[in-house]
Amino acid sequence: MTAKTIKAKRVTAGIIGQAVCQLAGISRAKLSDIEREYIAATPEELQRIDAAIEQILRTRQHLARLATEAGLSLTGLRL
């Protein structure tokens, strides 16, 4: 796992950096510096960032299932 793959995963998923930072326990400025490879992240930091992205993706999937079960559409909503 590298800073570039982390950034690509986050951007592809349409996840804002601030959401990742809140879950990973790092500042937005630090995430930005890591993603742009201005600083080298520790393996622990990369793991926390990746785990935060995965948690957001799982939460989105769960919300989509709940919405479908309730007959609702999440189309157009940014989650």
N, C-alpha and C. Protein backbone atom coordinates (compact mmCIF):
# COMPACT_ATOMS: atom_id res chain seq x y z
N MET A 1 0.85 -1.17 0.00
CA MET A 1 0.00 0.00 0.00
C MET A 1 0.90 1.24 0.00
N THR A 2 0.62 2.13 -0.92
CA THR A 2 1.40 3.36 -1.02
C THR A 2 0.48 4.57 -0.92
N ALA A 3 1.08 5.73 -0.77
CA ALA A 3 0.30 6.96 -0.72
C ALA A 3 -0.49 7.15 -2.00
N LYS A 4 0.12 6.80 -3.14
CA LYS A 4 -0.57 6.96 -4.42
C LYS A 4 -1.78 6.04 -4.53
N THR A 5 -1.65 4.80 -4.07
CA THR A 5 -2.79 3.88 -4.14
C THR A 5 -3.90 4.30 -3.19
N ILE A 6 -3.52 4.82 -2.04
CA ILE A 6 -4.51 5.33 -1.07
C ILE A 6 -5.29 6.48 -1.68
N LYS A 7 -4.57 7.42 -2.28
CA LYS A 7 -5.24 8.58 -2.88
C LYS A 7 -6.16 8.13 -4.01
N ALA A 8 -5.67 7.25 -4.86
CA ALA A 8 -6.49 6.77 -5.98
C ALA A 8 -7.76 6.09 -5.47
N LYS A 9 -7.63 5.30 -4.45
CA LYS A 9 -8.79 4.61 -3.87
C LYS A 9 -9.80 5.61 -3.32
N ARG A 10 -9.32 6.62 -2.60
CA ARG A 10 -10.21 7.63 -2.01
C ARG A 10 -10.91 8.45 -3.09
N VAL A 11 -10.14 8.90 -4.07
CA VAL A 11 -10.70 9.75 -5.13
C VAL A 11 -11.68 8.95 -5.99
N THR A 12 -11.33 7.73 -6.34
CA THR A 12 -12.21 6.89 -7.15
C THR A 12 -13.54 6.66 -6.45
N ALA A 13 -13.47 6.50 -5.13
CA ALA A 13 -14.69 6.27 -4.35
C ALA A 13 -15.47 7.56 -4.09
N GLY A 14 -14.89 8.71 -4.42
CA GLY A 14 -15.57 9.98 -4.20
C GLY A 14 -15.67 10.35 -2.73
N ILE A 15 -14.68 9.96 -1.96
CA ILE A 15 -14.68 10.24 -0.53
C ILE A 15 -13.86 11.50 -0.27
N ILE A 16 -14.44 12.42 0.47
CA ILE A 16 -13.71 13.65 0.77
C ILE A 16 -12.64 13.37 1.83
N GLY A 17 -11.55 14.10 1.71
CA GLY A 17 -10.44 13.89 2.62
C GLY A 17 -10.79 14.11 4.07
N GLN A 18 -11.64 15.08 4.36
CA GLN A 18 -11.99 15.39 5.75
C GLN A 18 -12.65 14.20 6.43
N ALA A 19 -13.47 13.46 5.71
CA ALA A 19 -14.13 12.28 6.30
C ALA A 19 -13.09 11.23 6.67
N VAL A 20 -12.11 11.03 5.81
CA VAL A 20 -11.04 10.06 6.08
C VAL A 20 -10.24 10.52 7.29
N CYS A 21 -9.93 11.79 7.34
CA CYS A 21 -9.13 12.33 8.45
C CYS A 21 -9.82 12.14 9.80
N GLN A 22 -11.10 12.37 9.84
CA GLN A 22 -11.83 12.22 11.10
C GLN A 22 -11.74 10.79 11.61
N LEU A 23 -11.87 9.83 10.71
CA LEU A 23 -11.83 8.43 11.13
C LEU A 23 -10.40 7.95 11.39
N ALA A 24 -9.45 8.46 10.63
CA ALA A 24 -8.06 8.00 10.76
C ALA A 24 -7.30 8.73 11.86
N GLY A 25 -7.86 9.83 12.33
CA GLY A 25 -7.21 10.58 13.40
C GLY A 25 -5.98 11.35 12.96
N ILE A 26 -6.03 11.89 11.74
CA ILE A 26 -4.95 12.74 11.25
C ILE A 26 -5.53 14.04 10.73
N SER A 27 -4.69 15.04 10.60
CA SER A 27 -5.17 16.33 10.10
C SER A 27 -5.34 16.28 8.59
N ARG A 28 -6.16 17.17 8.09
CA ARG A 28 -6.38 17.25 6.64
C ARG A 28 -5.08 17.64 5.95
N ALA A 29 -4.32 18.53 6.55
CA ALA A 29 -3.06 18.95 5.96
C ALA A 29 -2.09 17.77 5.85
N LYS A 30 -2.06 16.93 6.87
CA LYS A 30 -1.16 15.78 6.83
C LYS A 30 -1.59 14.79 5.76
N LEU A 31 -2.88 14.53 5.65
CA LEU A 31 -3.36 13.63 4.59
C LEU A 31 -2.97 14.18 3.22
N SER A 32 -3.15 15.46 3.03
CA SER A 32 -2.79 16.08 1.77
C SER A 32 -1.30 15.90 1.48
N ASP A 33 -0.47 16.14 2.48
CA ASP A 33 0.97 15.99 2.31
C ASP A 33 1.35 14.54 2.01
N ILE A 34 0.68 13.60 2.67
CA ILE A 34 0.94 12.18 2.41
C ILE A 34 0.55 11.83 0.99
N GLU A 35 -0.65 12.22 0.59
CA GLU A 35 -1.14 11.88 -0.75
C GLU A 35 -0.29 12.49 -1.86
N ARG A 36 0.25 13.66 -1.62
CA ARG A 36 1.10 14.31 -2.62
C ARG A 36 2.56 13.88 -2.50
N GLU A 37 2.80 12.98 -1.54
CA GLU A 37 4.13 12.44 -1.27
C GLU A 37 5.14 13.51 -0.88
N TYR A 38 4.65 14.55 -0.18
CA TYR A 38 5.55 15.56 0.36
C TYR A 38 6.22 15.02 1.62
N ILE A 39 5.49 14.13 2.33
CA ILE A 39 6.05 13.46 3.50
C ILE A 39 5.77 11.97 3.36
N ALA A 40 6.60 11.18 3.99
CA ALA A 40 6.41 9.73 3.97
C ALA A 40 5.56 9.33 5.17
N ALA A 41 4.50 8.62 4.90
CA ALA A 41 3.63 8.14 5.97
C ALA A 41 4.22 6.87 6.56
N THR A 42 3.97 6.67 7.83
CA THR A 42 4.38 5.42 8.45
C THR A 42 3.43 4.32 7.97
N PRO A 43 3.86 3.07 8.05
CA PRO A 43 2.94 1.98 7.70
C PRO A 43 1.66 2.03 8.52
N GLU A 44 1.77 2.42 9.80
CA GLU A 44 0.58 2.52 10.65
C GLU A 44 -0.38 3.59 10.13
N GLU A 45 0.15 4.74 9.71
CA GLU A 45 -0.70 5.80 9.17
C GLU A 45 -1.40 5.35 7.90
N LEU A 46 -0.65 4.70 7.01
CA LEU A 46 -1.28 4.20 5.78
C LEU A 46 -2.37 3.20 6.09
N GLN A 47 -2.14 2.34 7.08
CA GLN A 47 -3.15 1.36 7.48
C GLN A 47 -4.39 2.06 8.04
N ARG A 48 -4.20 3.07 8.87
CA ARG A 48 -5.34 3.80 9.45
C ARG A 48 -6.13 4.52 8.36
N ILE A 49 -5.43 5.11 7.39
CA ILE A 49 -6.12 5.80 6.30
C ILE A 49 -6.91 4.80 5.46
N ASP A 50 -6.28 3.68 5.12
CA ASP A 50 -6.97 2.65 4.34
C ASP A 50 -8.16 2.10 5.10
N ALA A 51 -8.01 1.86 6.39
CA ALA A 51 -9.12 1.36 7.21
C ALA A 51 -10.28 2.36 7.24
N ALA A 52 -9.95 3.64 7.29
CA ALA A 52 -11.00 4.67 7.30
C ALA A 52 -11.77 4.66 5.98
N ILE A 53 -11.05 4.54 4.87
CA ILE A 53 -11.70 4.48 3.56
C ILE A 53 -12.60 3.25 3.49
N GLU A 54 -12.10 2.11 3.94
CA GLU A 54 -12.90 0.88 3.93
C GLU A 54 -14.14 1.01 4.79
N GLN A 55 -14.01 1.65 5.94
CA GLN A 55 -15.17 1.85 6.83
C GLN A 55 -16.23 2.71 6.14
N ILE A 56 -15.81 3.76 5.47
CA ILE A 56 -16.76 4.62 4.75
C ILE A 56 -17.45 3.83 3.64
N LEU A 57 -16.69 3.03 2.91
CA LEU A 57 -17.28 2.22 1.83
C LEU A 57 -18.29 1.22 2.39
N ARG A 58 -17.95 0.56 3.50
CA ARG A 58 -18.90 -0.39 4.12
C ARG A 58 -20.16 0.32 4.60
N THR A 59 -19.99 1.50 5.16
CA THR A 59 -21.15 2.27 5.65
C THR A 59 -22.04 2.67 4.49
N ARG A 60 -21.46 3.08 3.39
CA ARG A 60 -22.25 3.43 2.20
C ARG A 60 -23.05 2.22 1.71
N GLN A 61 -22.40 1.06 1.66
CA GLN A 61 -23.09 -0.15 1.21
C GLN A 61 -24.25 -0.50 2.14
N HIS A 62 -24.01 -0.35 3.43
CA HIS A 62 -25.06 -0.65 4.41
C HIS A 62 -26.24 0.32 4.24
N LEU A 63 -25.95 1.59 4.08
CA LEU A 63 -27.02 2.57 3.87
C LEU A 63 -27.79 2.29 2.59
N ALA A 64 -27.10 1.89 1.55
CA ALA A 64 -27.77 1.57 0.29
C ALA A 64 -28.71 0.39 0.47
N ARG A 65 -28.28 -0.64 1.21
CA ARG A 65 -29.16 -1.79 1.47
C ARG A 65 -30.39 -1.37 2.26
N LEU A 66 -30.18 -0.57 3.30
CA LEU A 66 -31.30 -0.11 4.11
C LEU A 66 -32.28 0.73 3.28
N ALA A 67 -31.75 1.59 2.44
CA ALA A 67 -32.61 2.42 1.59
C ALA A 67 -33.41 1.55 0.64
N THR A 68 -32.77 0.56 0.05
CA THR A 68 -33.47 -0.34 -0.87
C THR A 68 -34.58 -1.08 -0.14
N GLU A 69 -34.28 -1.58 1.03
CA GLU A 69 -35.29 -2.29 1.83
C GLU A 69 -36.47 -1.39 2.17
N ALA A 70 -36.21 -0.11 2.35
CA ALA A 70 -37.27 0.83 2.69
C ALA A 70 -37.94 1.42 1.45
N GLY A 71 -37.49 1.01 0.27
CA GLY A 71 -38.07 1.51 -0.96
C GLY A 71 -37.62 2.91 -1.32
N LEU A 72 -36.47 3.30 -0.81
CA LEU A 72 -35.95 4.64 -1.07
C LEU A 72 -34.79 4.58 -2.05
N SER A 73 -34.51 5.71 -2.66
CA SER A 73 -33.39 5.80 -3.59
C SER A 73 -32.36 6.77 -3.04
N LEU A 74 -31.11 6.40 -3.15
CA LEU A 74 -30.04 7.29 -2.74
C LEU A 74 -29.44 8.04 -3.91
N THR A 75 -30.04 7.89 -5.07
CA THR A 75 -29.55 8.55 -6.27
C THR A 75 -29.49 10.05 -6.05
N GLY A 76 -28.36 10.63 -6.36
CA GLY A 76 -28.19 12.06 -6.23
C GLY A 76 -27.69 12.51 -4.88
N LEU A 77 -27.66 11.61 -3.91
CA LEU A 77 -27.16 11.96 -2.58
C LEU A 77 -25.67 11.68 -2.51
N ARG A 78 -24.97 12.55 -1.86
CA ARG A 78 -23.53 12.34 -1.67
C ARG A 78 -23.30 11.82 -0.27
N LEU A 79 -22.88 10.57 -0.20
CA LEU A 79 -22.65 9.95 1.12
C LEU A 79 -21.19 9.67 1.32
